[in-house]
C-alpha atoms as a PDB file:
ATOM      1  CA  MET A   1       1.402  -8.892   7.340  1.00  0.00           C
ATOM      2  CA  ILE A   2       4.089 -10.029   9.722  1.00  0.00           C
ATOM      3  CA  THR A   3       7.210 -11.964   8.798  1.00  0.00           C
ATOM      4  CA  LEU A   4       8.009 -15.159  10.640  1.00  0.00           C
ATOM      5  CA  THR A   5      10.553 -17.970  10.280  1.00  0.00           C
ATOM      6  CA  ARG A   6       9.714 -21.621   9.656  1.00  0.00           C
ATOM      7  CA  LEU A   7      11.693 -24.289  11.500  1.00  0.00           C
ATOM      8  CA  SER A   8      13.581 -24.871   8.228  1.00  0.00           C
ATOM      9  CA  GLY A   9      14.866 -21.286   8.425  1.00  0.00           C
ATOM     10  CA  THR A  10      12.842 -19.834   5.552  1.00  0.00           C
ATOM     11  CA  GLU A  11      10.965 -16.606   6.149  1.00  0.00           C
ATOM     12  CA  PHE A  12       7.339 -16.105   5.198  1.00  0.00           C
ATOM     13  CA  ALA A  13       4.736 -13.409   5.573  1.00  0.00           C
ATOM     14  CA  LEU A  14       1.537 -14.132   7.458  1.00  0.00           C
ATOM     15  CA  ASN A  15      -1.695 -12.159   7.575  1.00  0.00           C
ATOM     16  CA  SER A  16      -1.944 -11.499  11.294  1.00  0.00           C
ATOM     17  CA  ASP A  17      -5.655 -10.651  11.004  1.00  0.00           C
ATOM     18  CA  LEU A  18      -6.351 -14.320  10.245  1.00  0.00           C
ATOM     19  CA  ILE A  19      -4.599 -15.761  13.306  1.00  0.00           C
ATOM     20  CA  GLU A  20      -7.002 -17.530  15.636  1.00  0.00           C
ATOM     21  CA  ARG A  21      -4.449 -18.265  18.339  1.00  0.00           C
ATOM     22  CA  ALA A  22      -0.773 -18.891  19.049  1.00  0.00           C
ATOM     23  CA  ASP A  23       0.476 -21.589  21.403  1.00  0.00           C
ATOM     24  CA  SER A  24       3.855 -22.285  22.946  1.00  0.00           C
ATOM     25  CA  THR A  25       4.197 -26.078  23.230  1.00  0.00           C
ATOM     26  CA  PRO A  26       7.398 -25.722  23.459  1.00  0.00           C
ATOM     27  CA  ASP A  27       7.577 -24.664  19.767  1.00  0.00           C
ATOM     28  CA  THR A  28       5.409 -21.742  18.793  1.00  0.00           C
ATOM     29  CA  VAL A  29       2.385 -22.992  16.848  1.00  0.00           C
ATOM     30  CA  ILE A  30       0.162 -20.470  15.099  1.00  0.00           C
ATOM     31  CA  SER A  31      -3.382 -21.626  14.320  1.00  0.00           C
ATOM     32  CA  MET A  32      -5.208 -19.790  11.572  1.00  0.00           C
ATOM     33  CA  VAL A  33      -8.966 -19.280  11.299  1.00  0.00           C
ATOM     34  CA  ASP A  34      -9.078 -21.725   8.356  1.00  0.00           C
ATOM     35  CA  GLY A  35      -7.478 -24.481  10.459  1.00  0.00           C
ATOM     36  CA  LYS A  36      -3.954 -24.274   9.034  1.00  0.00           C
ATOM     37  CA  LYS A  37      -1.117 -24.393  11.543  1.00  0.00           C
ATOM     38  CA  TYR A  38       2.357 -22.960  11.294  1.00  0.00           C
ATOM     39  CA  VAL A  39       5.291 -23.888  13.540  1.00  0.00           C
ATOM     40  CA  VAL A  40       7.741 -21.009  13.778  1.00  0.00           C
ATOM     41  CA  LEU A  41      11.102 -20.259  15.372  1.00  0.00           C
ATOM     42  CA  GLU A  42       9.914 -17.033  17.023  1.00  0.00           C
ATOM     43  CA  THR A  43       8.761 -17.217  20.625  1.00  0.00           C
ATOM     44  CA  LEU A  44       5.138 -16.533  21.541  1.00  0.00           C
ATOM     45  CA  ALA A  45       6.191 -13.134  22.952  1.00  0.00           C
ATOM     46  CA  GLU A  46       7.956 -12.257  19.689  1.00  0.00           C
ATOM     47  CA  VAL A  47       4.870 -13.171  17.629  1.00  0.00           C
ATOM     48  CA  VAL A  48       2.633 -11.059  19.867  1.00  0.00           C
ATOM     49  CA  ALA A  49       5.116  -8.163  19.651  1.00  0.00           C
ATOM     50  CA  ALA A  50       5.185  -8.429  15.844  1.00  0.00           C
ATOM     51  CA  ILE A  51       1.377  -8.346  15.697  1.00  0.00           C
ATOM     52  CA  ARG A  52       1.246  -5.324  18.021  1.00  0.00           C
ATOM     53  CA  ALA A  53       3.887  -3.498  15.985  1.00  0.00           C
ATOM     54  CA  HIS A  54       2.052  -4.261  12.738  1.00  0.00           C
ATOM     55  CA  ARG A  55      -1.261  -2.978  14.091  1.00  0.00           C
ATOM     56  CA  ALA A  56       0.370   0.132  15.568  1.00  0.00           C
ATOM     57  CA  GLU A  57       2.037   0.822  12.223  1.00  0.00           C
ATOM     58  CA  THR A  58      -1.301   0.429  10.428  1.00  0.00           C
ATOM     59  CA  ILE A  59      -2.995   2.917  12.752  1.00  0.00           C
ATOM     60  CA  ALA A  60      -0.099   5.383  12.512  1.00  0.00           C
ATOM     61  CA  LEU A  61      -0.049   5.171   8.709  1.00  0.00           C
ATOM     62  CA  SER A  62      -3.818   5.646   8.467  1.00  0.00           C
ATOM     63  CA  ALA A  63      -3.527   8.861  10.491  1.00  0.00           C
ATOM     64  CA  LEU A  64      -0.664  10.031   8.275  1.00  0.00           C
ATOM     65  CA  VAL A  65      -2.640   9.290   5.098  1.00  0.00           C
ATOM     66  CA  ALA A  66      -5.702  11.073   6.492  1.00  0.00           C
ATOM     67  CA  GLU A  67      -3.575  14.195   6.884  1.00  0.00           C
ATOM     68  CA  ASN A  68      -1.726  13.735   3.556  1.00  0.00           C
ATOM     69  CA  PRO A  69      -3.922  11.864   1.026  1.00  0.00           C
ATOM     70  CA  GLN A  70      -1.409  12.551  -1.757  1.00  0.00           C
ATOM     71  CA  LEU A  71       0.746   9.814  -0.206  1.00  0.00           C
ATOM     72  CA  VAL A  72      -1.773   7.232  -1.407  1.00  0.00           C
ATOM     73  CA  LEU A  73      -3.060   8.956  -4.512  1.00  0.00           C
ATOM     74  CA  GLY A  74       0.421   9.579  -5.864  1.00  0.00           C
ATOM     75  CA  ARG A  75      -0.529  13.097  -6.957  1.00  0.00           C
ATOM     76  CA  PRO A  76      -0.948  16.407  -5.182  1.00  0.00           C
ATOM     77  CA  THR A  77      -4.335  17.084  -3.693  1.00  0.00           C
ATOM     78  CA  PRO A  78      -5.992  20.457  -4.219  1.00  0.00           C
ATOM     79  CA  ASP A  79      -5.241  23.135  -1.685  1.00  0.00           C
ATOM     80  CA  PRO A  80      -8.504  23.990   0.104  1.00  0.00           C
ATOM     81  CA  GLN A  81      -7.292  27.603   0.516  1.00  0.00           C
ATOM     82  CA  ALA A  82      -6.646  28.054  -3.217  1.00  0.00           C
ATOM     83  CA  ALA A  83      -9.151  29.666  -5.536  1.00  0.00           C
ATOM     84  CA  PRO A  84     -11.535  27.162  -7.113  1.00  0.00           C
ATOM     85  CA  THR A  85     -10.603  26.003 -10.601  1.00  0.00           C
ATOM     86  CA  THR A  86     -14.111  25.009 -11.622  1.00  0.00           C
ATOM     87  CA  PRO A  87     -16.791  27.619 -12.253  1.00  0.00           C
ATOM     88  CA  ARG A  88     -19.191  28.160  -9.398  1.00  0.00           C
ATOM     89  CA  LEU A  89     -22.793  29.287  -9.607  1.00  0.00           C
ATOM     90  CA  ALA A  90     -23.377  32.827  -8.512  1.00  0.00           C
ATOM     91  CA  SER A  91     -26.259  33.689  -6.253  1.00  0.00           C
ATOM     92  CA  VAL A  92     -29.461  34.669  -8.044  1.00  0.00           C
ATOM     93  CA  ALA A  93     -31.370  37.764  -7.044  1.00  0.00           C
ATOM     94  CA  GLU A  94     -35.084  37.340  -6.508  1.00  0.00           C
ATOM     95  CA  LEU A  95     -37.200  38.800  -9.311  1.00  0.00           C
ATOM     96  CA  PRO A  96     -39.882  41.315  -8.335  1.00  0.00           C
ATOM     97  CA  HIS A  97     -43.466  40.017  -8.477  1.00  0.00           C
ATOM     98  CA  THR A  98     -46.638  41.852  -9.240  1.00  0.00           C
ATOM     99  CA  PRO A  99     -49.552  41.663  -6.810  1.00  0.00           C
ATOM    100  CA  GLY A 100     -51.305  39.123  -9.094  1.00  0.00           C
ATOM    101  CA  GLY A 101     -48.490  36.634  -8.564  1.00  0.00           C
ATOM    102  CA  ARG A 102     -46.905  37.075 -11.990  1.00  0.00           C
ATOM    103  CA  SER A 103     -43.321  38.146 -12.363  1.00  0.00           C
ATOM    104  CA  ALA A 104     -42.664  41.685 -13.490  1.00  0.00           C
ATOM    105  CA  HIS A 105     -39.709  40.460 -15.551  1.00  0.00           C
ATOM    106  CA  PRO A 106     -40.536  40.434 -19.296  1.00  0.00           C
ATOM    107  CA  GLU A 107     -38.827  37.048 -19.896  1.00  0.00           C
ATOM    108  CA  ALA A 108     -40.474  35.218 -16.979  1.00  0.00           C
ATOM    109  CA  GLY A 109     -42.638  32.290 -17.992  1.00  0.00           C
ATOM    110  CA  ARG A 110     -41.132  31.946 -21.490  1.00  0.00           C
ATOM    111  CA  LEU A 111     -39.457  28.699 -22.415  1.00  0.00           C
END
């Protein structure tokens, strides 16, 4: 969201993703995709700069969060180099088979 100033002097936040266009006639008029219009004190160049800064900040923060997910989760993430805390399955050795196709292991086939 970007912050802009109404002609009355009050500030408001606007979702810049929903802006359809901005005109300078001579006041800056922002037209939203739903048809609403806002007249603001900022110049057209200032509105465009605010949108660019907001989008750049979003991209920069997404890269930061991708590298440090604990920033969003609010808790430390597991260290991938640390030993696992949950038990893991060990590899299973293949049992020897007899020529008739049956296992030589005495417990094989019992349920």
